[in-house]
Amino acid sequence: MFPNVDLTVHLHRRPRGTWTGLDTTVVFGPTGQGLTSTVLHDVYGPVGRAEQILTVRPMR
């Protein structure tokens, strides 16, 4: 189980077109805390970043 604890999005320009791409990486530490980092882009290149703090817990 991994609930969304926090999400921050920063754009340096407005996306153009109808699609937004996501290039995402995820890293978790030994105690279950993690970070998802995403580069947001359109067909013309990067438009911003999204960062999300995660916590991973066993399901019961």
Protein backbone atom coordinates (compact mmCIF):
# COMPACT_ATOMS: atom_id res chain seq x y z
CA MET A 1 0.00 0.00 0.00
CA PHE A 2 1.43 3.44 -0.84
CA PRO A 3 -0.72 6.46 0.07
CA ASN A 4 -0.04 9.84 -1.57
CA VAL A 5 1.33 12.04 1.22
CA ASP A 6 2.20 15.19 -0.78
CA LEU A 7 2.34 16.40 -4.41
CA THR A 8 4.05 19.53 -5.78
CA VAL A 9 3.98 20.62 -9.45
CA HIS A 10 6.08 23.46 -10.89
CA LEU A 11 5.64 24.58 -14.51
CA HIS A 12 8.10 26.89 -16.26
CA ARG A 13 5.80 27.24 -19.28
CA ARG A 14 2.27 26.26 -20.28
CA PRO A 15 2.07 22.85 -22.03
CA ARG A 16 1.10 23.04 -25.71
CA GLY A 17 -0.98 20.45 -27.52
CA THR A 18 -3.40 17.88 -26.18
CA TRP A 19 -0.90 15.47 -24.57
CA THR A 20 1.48 15.81 -21.63
CA GLY A 21 4.24 13.22 -21.20
CA LEU A 22 5.58 11.97 -17.87
CA ASP A 23 9.14 10.72 -17.36
CA THR A 24 9.03 9.33 -13.80
CA THR A 25 11.55 7.83 -11.39
CA VAL A 26 10.79 6.43 -7.92
CA VAL A 27 13.21 5.89 -5.01
CA PHE A 28 12.40 4.25 -1.64
CA GLY A 29 14.51 4.08 1.50
CA PRO A 30 14.83 1.13 3.91
CA THR A 31 12.07 2.42 6.24
CA GLY A 32 9.44 2.85 3.49
CA GLN A 33 9.67 6.59 2.74
CA GLY A 34 10.13 7.45 -0.91
CA LEU A 35 10.10 10.16 -3.55
CA THR A 36 8.59 10.17 -7.03
CA SER A 37 10.22 12.69 -9.38
CA THR A 38 8.64 13.43 -12.77
CA VAL A 39 9.67 15.58 -15.72
CA LEU A 40 6.54 16.86 -17.48
CA HIS A 41 6.85 17.49 -21.22
CA ASP A 42 4.93 18.13 -24.42
CA VAL A 43 6.05 17.60 -28.04
CA TYR A 44 8.22 20.76 -27.80
CA GLY A 45 10.21 19.67 -24.71
CA PRO A 46 10.10 19.92 -20.90
CA VAL A 47 7.41 22.10 -19.29
CA GLY A 48 8.05 21.44 -15.57
CA ARG A 49 8.46 18.95 -12.76
CA ALA A 50 6.28 17.09 -10.28
CA GLU A 51 7.54 15.73 -6.95
CA GLN A 52 5.54 13.39 -4.71
CA ILE A 53 6.48 12.10 -1.26
CA LEU A 54 5.35 8.51 -0.65
CA THR A 55 5.25 6.07 2.21
CA VAL A 56 5.09 2.33 1.60
CA ARG A 57 3.32 0.10 4.11
CA PRO A 58 2.34 -3.56 4.11
CA MET A 59 -1.33 -4.34 3.40
CA ARG A 60 -3.12 -6.31 6.08
